[in-house]
Amino acid sequence: MSRTTKDSSFSYHFSALQELASDALKIARKRGASACDVDVSEGFGQSVTVRHGEVETIEYNRDKGVGVTVYLGQQKGYASTSDFSSTALKETVEAALNIARFTAADPCAGLAEKELLARKVPDLDLYHPEKMPVETAIKIARHCESAAFAVSPLVNNSEGATVSTQEARFVSANSLGFMAGYPSSRNYIACSVIVGEGDAMQRDDWYSTSRRVRDMASPETIGDYAARRALARMGARKIKTCQVPVLFEAPLAASLIGSFVHAVSGGALYRKSTFLLDSLGTRIFPEHVNISERPHLKRGLASSAFDNDGVATRDREVVVDGILQGYFLSVYTARKLGMQTTGNAGGCHNLIVHPGEHDFRGLLKKMGRGLLVTELLGHGVNYVTGDYSRGAAGYWVENGEIQFPVEEITIAGNLRDMFSNIVAVGNDVLCRGSKQVGSILLGSMKVAGN
């Protein structure tokens, strides 16, 4: 098997990954598999953490793997290995076949229909390798942490500043003739600081991530903002139990949209374990809420030409004027529901909640009096009923202005009511993953305190 040339940081030529995938398919066919799906990948990176100006950790990772899914009719088996040798590949295929032989037949099991598979794979500009010496990463992390400490003498402790660079590539192939793959990169800078002393300590953090290093916020900006967020939480207190408007800051608004995605995803739907069962074509959100999926955004953090089934992805409108237009389905879950796949095996691709007219300050003004939530704790979401209860921290707002920090409270409601009660979506869009959304203002939630 051919290794890469010296000027490449990957261990293998892309053609070597393709060759491995082809070999696995040939072995599976010879051993009697009626169909086969193969994923071959490799990745590497480094992560550096600096704390109080000193290097705390330096981590290097280099991984590779082959995953093989075989079908004996409608019996399915899966096995994987990190060994690229021909012997290991044969043993992995045989292990998958053995699992399939003892697995009950599933009428929904099998590869995607051939006509659904991606034929063209556009360049989505996802790969921007950054040859960052460890000395440079350490310097960047130190700059980030130093900027935090420089904000105030009250910033007296740190959980560290981290700089990470990662590169990966993969090949997916199946016995219907599909074979495609591409490289990608991901970079990350984060800082977490602690302020105050004794029982009066508070912490907060901030981070930036992107395909290209130059697209991230500067390390000084990240450190400075992390410190200011922590300082703003000094003197946090409880509030009395009340029913008030609640503003989810943009990073938390993404988790709220994540709850929506989970509730209308195939697995929850066919298991009938979601409060949004049979919700296609019904109103979930107010008329001003529109959500689009854009899988082919250049340098998008969740961009992909095809999903984990090899099905071609496409632009689509998920929510139009508050009405649900489509679920998130893989080939398997679509068959379980008697529907067509939406190209979402593996998750959503750049889900965009269309921003409204208000920026963050405008949303505070619109809310007037209520709670701004900047941190959520626990996992109190029941997707069967939609009941939602999470520990929270944030800020009390009066007359559209932040008054004081709040902690040790719980916010509660029902997701169905919360979704239908979205008053506004901000234009302070934050993109850190598969969902792009600004802060979200809800008309009313129960806030439990004293």
Protein backbone atom coordinates (compact mmCIF):
# COMPACT_ATOMS: atom_id res chain seq x y z
CA MET A 1 0.00 0.00 0.00
CA SER A 2 1.39 3.37 -1.01
CA ARG A 3 2.30 5.91 1.62
CA THR A 4 2.07 9.63 0.98
CA THR A 5 4.95 11.76 -0.22
CA LYS A 6 7.07 13.53 2.37
CA ASP A 7 5.42 16.92 1.85
CA SER A 8 2.05 15.58 3.00
CA SER A 9 1.06 15.17 6.63
CA PHE A 10 -1.33 12.30 5.90
CA SER A 11 0.10 8.81 6.21
CA TYR A 12 -1.47 7.43 3.03
CA HIS A 13 -2.25 8.58 -0.47
CA PHE A 14 -5.94 9.17 -1.10
CA SER A 15 -5.70 6.44 -3.73
CA ALA A 16 -4.56 4.03 -0.99
CA LEU A 17 -7.78 4.68 0.94
CA GLN A 18 -9.76 4.05 -2.23
CA GLU A 19 -7.81 0.83 -2.78
CA LEU A 20 -8.63 -0.34 0.75
CA ALA A 21 -12.31 0.35 0.21
CA SER A 22 -12.28 -1.54 -3.10
CA ASP A 23 -10.48 -4.50 -1.52
CA ALA A 24 -13.03 -4.71 1.29
CA LEU A 25 -15.89 -4.70 -1.22
CA LYS A 26 -14.23 -7.47 -3.26
CA ILE A 27 -13.61 -9.61 -0.18
CA ALA A 28 -17.22 -9.18 0.98
CA ARG A 29 -18.55 -10.17 -2.42
CA LYS A 30 -16.32 -13.27 -2.58
CA ARG A 31 -17.40 -14.30 0.93
CA GLY A 32 -21.06 -14.20 -0.06
CA ALA A 33 -22.29 -10.76 0.98
CA SER A 34 -25.23 -9.57 -1.07
CA ALA A 35 -24.26 -5.93 -0.44
CA CYS A 36 -21.52 -4.04 1.37
CA ASP A 37 -20.72 -0.54 2.56
CA VAL A 38 -17.19 0.57 3.57
CA ASP A 39 -15.74 3.67 5.25
CA VAL A 40 -11.98 4.24 5.37
CA SER A 41 -10.58 7.23 7.23
CA GLU A 42 -7.45 8.74 8.70
CA GLY A 43 -6.88 11.86 10.76
CA PHE A 44 -4.30 13.63 12.86
CA GLY A 45 -3.84 16.76 14.90
CA GLN A 46 -2.35 18.44 17.91
CA SER A 47 -3.79 20.20 20.92
CA VAL A 48 -1.91 22.48 23.33
CA THR A 49 -3.18 23.79 26.66
CA VAL A 50 -1.45 26.56 28.58
CA ARG A 51 -2.39 27.39 32.18
CA HIS A 52 -0.89 30.35 34.08
CA GLY A 53 1.51 30.81 31.19
CA GLU A 54 2.96 27.32 31.56
CA VAL A 55 2.40 24.44 29.17
CA GLU A 56 0.01 22.04 30.87
CA THR A 57 -0.60 19.51 28.08
CA ILE A 58 0.60 18.79 24.57
CA GLU A 59 -1.37 16.09 22.82
CA TYR A 60 -0.82 14.57 19.40
CA ASN A 61 -3.35 12.26 17.80
CA ARG A 62 -3.11 10.13 14.69
CA ASP A 63 -5.95 7.74 13.93
CA LYS A 64 -7.05 5.53 11.11
CA GLY A 65 -9.80 3.01 10.63
CA VAL A 66 -11.89 0.84 8.35
CA GLY A 67 -15.57 0.22 9.03
CA VAL A 68 -17.34 -2.52 7.08
CA THR A 69 -21.10 -3.09 6.92
CA VAL A 70 -22.24 -6.25 5.13
CA TYR A 71 -25.67 -7.56 4.21
CA LEU A 72 -26.80 -11.14 3.74
CA GLY A 73 -30.14 -10.33 2.19
CA GLN A 74 -31.70 -8.25 4.94
CA GLN A 75 -29.40 -9.46 7.69
CA LYS A 76 -26.82 -6.85 8.64
CA GLY A 77 -23.42 -7.02 10.34
CA TYR A 78 -20.78 -4.41 11.13
CA ALA A 79 -17.13 -4.64 12.17
CA SER A 80 -14.17 -2.27 12.22
CA THR A 81 -10.39 -2.24 12.53
CA SER A 82 -7.55 0.24 12.82
CA ASP A 83 -5.20 -2.16 11.03
CA PHE A 84 -4.83 -1.52 7.29
CA SER A 85 -3.12 -4.86 6.52
CA SER A 86 -4.76 -7.27 4.08
CA THR A 87 -5.06 -9.91 6.79
CA ALA A 88 -6.86 -7.51 9.14
CA LEU A 89 -9.16 -6.40 6.32
CA LYS A 90 -10.17 -10.00 5.57
CA GLU A 91 -10.74 -10.72 9.26
CA THR A 92 -12.86 -7.59 9.64
CA VAL A 93 -15.08 -8.51 6.70
CA GLU A 94 -15.44 -12.03 8.06
CA ALA A 95 -16.34 -10.67 11.52
CA ALA A 96 -19.06 -8.50 9.96
CA LEU A 97 -20.41 -11.51 8.06
CA ASN A 98 -20.48 -13.63 11.21
CA ILE A 99 -22.50 -10.95 12.97
CA ALA A 100 -24.90 -10.75 10.02
CA ARG A 101 -25.45 -14.52 10.06
CA PHE A 102 -26.72 -14.35 13.64
CA THR A 103 -28.76 -11.18 13.18
CA ALA A 104 -32.49 -11.26 12.53
CA ALA A 105 -33.58 -10.14 9.08
CA ASP A 106 -34.82 -6.56 8.97
CA PRO A 107 -37.03 -5.65 5.98
CA CYS A 108 -35.74 -2.06 6.13
CA ALA A 109 -32.04 -2.99 6.09
CA GLY A 110 -29.93 -2.38 2.99
CA LEU A 111 -28.08 0.18 0.94
CA ALA A 112 -29.69 3.29 -0.47
CA GLU A 113 -31.32 3.06 -3.87
CA LYS A 114 -28.65 3.61 -6.53
CA GLU A 115 -30.35 6.65 -8.05
CA LEU A 116 -30.16 8.48 -4.69
CA LEU A 117 -26.39 8.16 -4.35
CA ALA A 118 -24.19 11.19 -4.95
CA ARG A 119 -22.83 11.25 -8.50
CA LYS A 120 -20.86 14.49 -8.27
CA VAL A 121 -18.89 15.69 -5.26
CA PRO A 122 -18.33 19.45 -5.48
CA ASP A 123 -15.34 21.06 -3.78
CA LEU A 124 -16.85 22.65 -0.67
CA ASP A 125 -13.52 24.23 0.38
CA LEU A 126 -13.38 22.27 3.63
CA TYR A 127 -9.64 21.61 3.72
CA HIS A 128 -7.24 24.31 4.85
CA PRO A 129 -4.19 22.61 6.35
CA GLU A 130 -2.27 24.69 8.85
CA LYS A 131 1.28 23.57 9.53
CA MET A 132 1.41 25.00 13.03
CA PRO A 133 4.60 24.20 14.97
CA VAL A 134 3.92 23.36 18.59
CA GLU A 135 5.92 26.43 19.60
CA THR A 136 3.50 28.62 17.64
CA ALA A 137 0.47 26.95 19.23
CA ILE A 138 1.94 27.52 22.69
CA LYS A 139 2.55 31.19 21.85
CA ILE A 140 -1.02 31.65 20.64
CA ALA A 141 -2.43 29.97 23.77
CA ARG A 142 -0.28 32.21 25.98
CA HIS A 143 -1.49 35.32 24.16
CA CYS A 144 -5.08 34.17 24.67
CA GLU A 145 -4.69 33.56 28.40
CA SER A 146 -2.62 36.71 28.95
CA ALA A 147 -5.39 38.78 27.37
CA ALA A 148 -7.81 37.32 29.91
CA PHE A 149 -5.58 38.08 32.90
CA ALA A 150 -5.02 41.62 31.62
CA VAL A 151 -8.71 42.52 31.91
CA SER A 152 -8.77 42.82 35.70
CA PRO A 153 -6.84 41.80 38.86
CA LEU A 154 -10.00 39.89 39.81
CA VAL A 155 -9.19 37.43 37.03
CA ASN A 156 -6.88 35.44 39.29
CA ASN A 157 -7.17 31.86 38.07
CA SER A 158 -7.46 29.97 34.84
CA GLU A 159 -8.65 26.62 33.60
CA GLY A 160 -6.37 27.20 30.63
CA ALA A 161 -6.26 28.34 27.03
CA THR A 162 -6.31 25.66 24.35
CA VAL A 163 -5.24 25.72 20.70
CA SER A 164 -6.13 22.73 18.53
CA THR A 165 -5.63 21.92 14.84
CA GLN A 166 -7.11 18.80 13.24
CA GLU A 167 -7.06 17.33 9.73
CA ALA A 168 -8.93 14.29 8.44
CA ARG A 169 -10.01 12.59 5.25
CA PHE A 170 -12.11 9.61 4.33
CA VAL A 171 -13.46 7.45 1.54
CA SER A 172 -16.97 5.97 1.53
CA ALA A 173 -17.84 3.22 -0.93
CA ASN A 174 -20.50 0.60 -1.49
CA SER A 175 -21.26 -2.34 -3.74
CA LEU A 176 -23.56 -0.27 -5.97
CA GLY A 177 -20.55 1.53 -7.44
CA PHE A 178 -20.52 4.56 -5.18
CA MET A 179 -17.10 5.79 -4.03
CA ALA A 180 -16.28 9.29 -2.84
CA GLY A 181 -14.48 11.19 -0.13
CA TYR A 182 -12.55 14.32 0.70
CA PRO A 183 -10.23 15.93 3.27
CA SER A 184 -11.28 18.47 5.88
CA SER A 185 -9.71 20.62 8.57
CA ARG A 186 -10.94 22.05 11.86
CA ASN A 187 -9.28 24.57 14.16
CA TYR A 188 -10.17 25.66 17.67
CA ILE A 189 -9.11 28.28 20.24
CA ALA A 190 -10.67 28.42 23.71
CA CYS A 191 -10.11 30.10 27.04
CA SER A 192 -11.72 29.47 30.45
CA VAL A 193 -11.05 31.69 33.46
CA ILE A 194 -12.03 31.98 37.13
CA VAL A 195 -12.61 35.23 39.00
CA GLY A 196 -13.08 36.09 42.68
CA GLU A 197 -12.19 34.13 45.79
CA GLY A 198 -13.74 31.66 48.21
CA ASP A 199 -17.52 31.35 47.88
CA ALA A 200 -17.59 34.33 45.53
CA MET A 201 -15.81 32.62 42.64
CA GLN A 202 -17.28 32.53 39.14
CA ARG A 203 -16.07 31.06 35.86
CA ASP A 204 -16.87 31.47 32.21
CA ASP A 205 -15.31 30.69 28.86
CA TRP A 206 -15.40 31.44 25.17
CA TYR A 207 -14.13 29.74 22.05
CA SER A 208 -13.91 30.03 18.29
CA THR A 209 -13.76 27.29 15.67
CA SER A 210 -13.49 27.23 11.88
CA ARG A 211 -12.12 25.41 8.85
CA ARG A 212 -9.45 28.10 8.35
CA VAL A 213 -7.29 29.54 11.12
CA ARG A 214 -7.68 33.06 9.77
CA ASP A 215 -11.46 32.87 10.04
CA MET A 216 -11.35 32.50 13.82
CA ALA A 217 -11.52 35.34 16.31
CA SER A 218 -8.09 36.44 17.49
CA PRO A 219 -6.71 34.74 20.62
CA GLU A 220 -6.64 38.12 22.37
CA THR A 221 -10.31 38.70 21.62
CA ILE A 222 -11.27 35.25 22.92
CA GLY A 223 -9.30 35.65 26.17
CA ASP A 224 -10.60 39.17 26.76
CA TYR A 225 -14.22 38.18 26.20
CA ALA A 226 -13.96 35.05 28.38
CA ALA A 227 -12.66 37.22 31.24
CA ARG A 228 -15.35 39.86 30.83
CA ARG A 229 -18.05 37.19 30.83
CA ALA A 230 -16.68 35.72 34.06
CA LEU A 231 -16.41 39.14 35.72
CA ALA A 232 -20.00 39.96 34.75
CA ARG A 233 -21.15 36.97 36.81
CA MET A 234 -19.67 38.30 40.06
CA GLY A 235 -22.28 38.81 42.76
CA ALA A 236 -24.76 36.38 41.19
CA ARG A 237 -27.88 35.75 43.24
CA LYS A 238 -31.11 33.79 43.24
CA ILE A 239 -34.41 35.33 42.25
CA LYS A 240 -37.95 34.59 43.30
CA THR A 241 -39.94 32.03 41.34
CA CYS A 242 -41.73 33.77 38.49
CA GLN A 243 -43.22 33.41 35.02
CA VAL A 244 -41.34 35.73 32.65
CA PRO A 245 -39.95 36.03 29.12
CA VAL A 246 -36.66 34.18 28.66
CA LEU A 247 -33.90 35.06 26.20
CA PHE A 248 -31.60 32.20 25.18
CA GLU A 249 -28.16 33.54 24.25
CA ALA A 250 -27.05 32.40 20.77
CA PRO A 251 -24.88 29.44 21.92
CA LEU A 252 -27.83 28.07 23.91
CA ALA A 253 -30.32 28.89 21.16
CA ALA A 254 -28.43 26.34 19.05
CA SER A 255 -29.16 23.67 21.68
CA LEU A 256 -32.85 24.64 21.59
CA ILE A 257 -32.88 24.11 17.82
CA GLY A 258 -31.01 20.86 18.45
CA SER A 259 -33.96 19.70 20.55
CA PHE A 260 -36.25 20.43 17.59
CA VAL A 261 -33.99 18.42 15.25
CA HIS A 262 -33.97 15.47 17.64
CA ALA A 263 -37.76 15.53 17.95
CA VAL A 264 -38.29 15.37 14.17
CA SER A 265 -35.50 12.90 13.39
CA GLY A 266 -36.24 9.45 12.03
CA GLY A 267 -35.10 7.43 15.03
CA ALA A 268 -37.42 9.24 17.43
CA LEU A 269 -40.27 9.19 14.89
CA TYR A 270 -40.30 5.49 14.03
CA ARG A 271 -39.90 4.56 17.69
CA LYS A 272 -42.81 6.89 18.49
CA SER A 273 -40.70 8.48 21.22
CA THR A 274 -41.26 12.11 20.30
CA PHE A 275 -43.88 14.71 21.11
CA LEU A 276 -43.73 15.85 17.46
CA LEU A 277 -45.02 12.58 16.00
CA ASP A 278 -46.99 13.06 12.74
CA SER A 279 -46.13 16.76 12.73
CA LEU A 280 -45.24 17.08 9.03
CA GLY A 281 -47.24 19.91 7.49
CA THR A 282 -48.32 21.26 10.86
CA ARG A 283 -47.40 24.51 12.57
CA ILE A 284 -44.54 24.07 15.04
CA PHE A 285 -43.27 27.65 15.25
CA PRO A 286 -44.82 31.11 14.77
CA GLU A 287 -45.11 32.43 11.21
CA HIS A 288 -41.92 34.49 11.46
CA VAL A 289 -39.72 31.40 12.00
CA ASN A 290 -38.07 29.90 8.92
CA ILE A 291 -35.37 27.23 8.95
CA SER A 292 -33.30 26.13 5.95
CA GLU A 293 -30.73 23.41 5.40
CA ARG A 294 -27.75 24.36 3.23
CA PRO A 295 -25.36 21.37 2.94
CA HIS A 296 -23.12 22.93 0.29
CA LEU A 297 -21.93 26.11 2.00
CA LYS A 298 -18.28 26.80 1.28
CA ARG A 299 -16.18 26.10 4.39
CA GLY A 300 -19.33 25.24 6.37
CA LEU A 301 -18.72 23.37 9.60
CA ALA A 302 -21.40 20.82 8.66
CA SER A 303 -21.11 20.94 4.86
CA SER A 304 -21.17 17.69 2.92
CA ALA A 305 -22.01 16.59 -0.60
CA PHE A 306 -23.48 13.34 0.71
CA ASP A 307 -24.61 11.82 3.99
CA ASN A 308 -23.42 8.70 5.81
CA ASP A 309 -25.51 6.55 3.45
CA GLY A 310 -23.84 8.09 0.39
CA VAL A 311 -27.11 9.85 -0.49
CA ALA A 312 -26.64 13.20 -2.23
CA THR A 313 -27.46 16.16 0.02
CA ARG A 314 -29.51 19.10 -1.22
CA ASP A 315 -30.73 22.49 -0.15
CA ARG A 316 -34.17 22.38 1.38
CA GLU A 317 -36.58 24.38 3.50
CA VAL A 318 -37.25 22.56 6.75
CA VAL A 319 -39.63 25.11 8.25
CA VAL A 320 -41.54 27.69 6.19
CA ASP A 321 -43.63 30.33 7.97
CA GLY A 322 -43.57 28.15 11.08
CA ILE A 323 -44.85 25.02 9.30
CA LEU A 324 -42.72 21.84 9.28
CA GLN A 325 -41.88 20.84 5.70
CA GLY A 326 -39.57 17.89 6.28
CA TYR A 327 -38.10 15.48 8.81
CA PHE A 328 -34.45 14.42 9.20
CA LEU A 329 -34.29 10.90 7.79
CA SER A 330 -31.67 8.32 6.85
CA VAL A 331 -32.34 5.52 4.39
CA TYR A 332 -33.17 3.13 7.22
CA THR A 333 -35.42 5.42 9.25
CA ALA A 334 -37.20 6.57 6.09
CA ARG A 335 -38.03 2.97 5.21
CA LYS A 336 -39.29 2.37 8.74
CA LEU A 337 -41.66 5.31 8.22
CA GLY A 338 -42.59 4.45 4.65
CA MET A 339 -40.99 7.68 3.44
CA GLN A 340 -38.04 8.89 1.37
CA THR A 341 -34.63 9.64 2.88
CA THR A 342 -33.82 13.35 3.31
CA GLY A 343 -30.06 12.80 3.14
CA ASN A 344 -29.58 13.22 6.87
CA ALA A 345 -27.88 9.98 7.91
CA GLY A 346 -25.40 11.33 10.45
CA GLY A 347 -27.28 14.52 11.25
CA CYS A 348 -28.23 17.87 9.80
CA HIS A 349 -26.06 19.92 7.44
CA ASN A 350 -25.75 23.66 8.16
CA LEU A 351 -29.20 24.27 9.56
CA ILE A 352 -29.88 28.01 9.32
CA VAL A 353 -32.56 29.71 11.40
CA HIS A 354 -33.34 32.89 9.48
CA PRO A 355 -32.44 35.92 11.61
CA GLY A 356 -34.91 38.63 12.48
CA GLU A 357 -34.44 42.39 12.64
CA HIS A 358 -33.09 42.68 16.19
CA ASP A 359 -29.52 42.42 17.38
CA PHE A 360 -28.75 41.22 20.91
CA ARG A 361 -29.40 44.60 22.53
CA GLY A 362 -32.58 44.92 20.50
CA LEU A 363 -33.81 41.59 21.88
CA LEU A 364 -33.14 42.77 25.44
CA LYS A 365 -35.19 45.89 24.72
CA LYS A 366 -37.99 43.83 23.20
CA MET A 367 -38.03 41.53 26.25
CA GLY A 368 -38.16 44.46 28.65
CA ARG A 369 -38.29 42.46 31.88
CA GLY A 370 -37.21 38.84 32.18
CA LEU A 371 -34.31 36.42 32.25
CA LEU A 372 -31.31 36.22 29.94
CA VAL A 373 -29.95 32.66 30.05
CA THR A 374 -26.24 32.19 29.33
CA GLU A 375 -25.64 28.75 30.85
CA LEU A 376 -27.69 25.56 31.07
CA LEU A 377 -27.03 22.65 33.41
CA GLY A 378 -28.26 19.06 33.37
CA HIS A 379 -30.22 17.20 30.71
CA GLY A 380 -33.83 17.59 31.76
CA VAL A 381 -35.54 17.10 28.41
CA ASN A 382 -38.23 14.45 27.94
CA TYR A 383 -38.72 14.05 24.19
CA VAL A 384 -41.73 11.79 24.59
CA THR A 385 -43.77 14.49 26.33
CA GLY A 386 -41.74 17.59 25.42
CA ASP A 387 -41.29 18.50 29.07
CA TYR A 388 -38.24 20.71 29.56
CA SER A 389 -36.52 21.51 32.87
CA ARG A 390 -32.90 22.67 33.11
CA GLY A 391 -30.70 24.26 35.72
CA ALA A 392 -29.68 27.71 34.51
CA ALA A 393 -27.60 30.82 35.13
CA GLY A 394 -27.70 34.21 33.47
CA TYR A 395 -28.85 37.77 34.11
CA TRP A 396 -31.98 39.53 35.29
CA VAL A 397 -33.23 42.20 32.89
CA GLU A 398 -35.39 45.25 33.66
CA ASN A 399 -36.44 47.93 31.18
CA GLY A 400 -34.37 46.21 28.49
CA GLU A 401 -31.14 46.49 30.48
CA ILE A 402 -29.15 43.83 32.35
CA GLN A 403 -29.42 44.48 36.10
CA PHE A 404 -27.52 41.70 37.88
CA PRO A 405 -26.28 38.12 37.41
CA VAL A 406 -28.48 35.20 38.45
CA GLU A 407 -27.57 31.64 39.47
CA GLU A 408 -29.03 28.50 41.09
CA ILE A 409 -32.32 28.66 39.24
CA THR A 410 -34.31 26.29 37.04
CA ILE A 411 -36.20 27.14 33.87
CA ALA A 412 -39.11 24.90 32.92
CA GLY A 413 -41.72 24.53 30.22
CA ASN A 414 -42.80 22.25 27.39
CA LEU A 415 -40.90 22.27 24.11
CA ARG A 416 -44.09 22.39 22.06
CA ASP A 417 -45.15 25.54 23.90
CA MET A 418 -41.62 26.95 23.81
CA PHE A 419 -41.34 26.51 20.05
CA SER A 420 -44.74 28.09 19.41
CA ASN A 421 -43.89 30.92 21.80
CA ILE A 422 -40.76 32.21 20.04
CA VAL A 423 -41.20 35.98 19.98
CA ALA A 424 -38.06 36.82 18.00
CA VAL A 425 -34.86 35.38 16.56
CA GLY A 426 -31.85 37.67 16.76
CA ASN A 427 -29.39 38.53 14.01
CA ASP A 428 -26.44 37.93 16.37
CA VAL A 429 -25.80 34.65 14.57
CA LEU A 430 -23.09 32.43 16.01
CA CYS A 431 -21.73 29.57 13.91
CA ARG A 432 -19.92 26.88 15.87
CA GLY A 433 -21.32 23.68 14.39
CA SER A 434 -24.21 22.28 12.39
CA LYS A 435 -26.70 24.98 13.46
CA GLN A 436 -26.50 28.70 12.72
CA VAL A 437 -28.83 30.77 14.85
CA GLY A 438 -28.96 34.02 16.77
CA SER A 439 -30.34 34.49 20.28
CA ILE A 440 -33.96 33.35 20.71
CA LEU A 441 -36.55 35.19 22.79
CA LEU A 442 -39.40 33.15 24.27
CA GLY A 443 -42.56 34.88 25.43
CA SER A 444 -42.82 33.09 28.77
CA MET A 445 -41.27 30.32 30.87
CA LYS A 446 -41.41 29.35 34.51
CA VAL A 447 -38.27 30.35 36.39
CA ALA A 448 -37.91 28.53 39.72
CA GLY A 449 -35.79 30.24 42.35
CA ASN A 450 -36.43 31.14 45.98
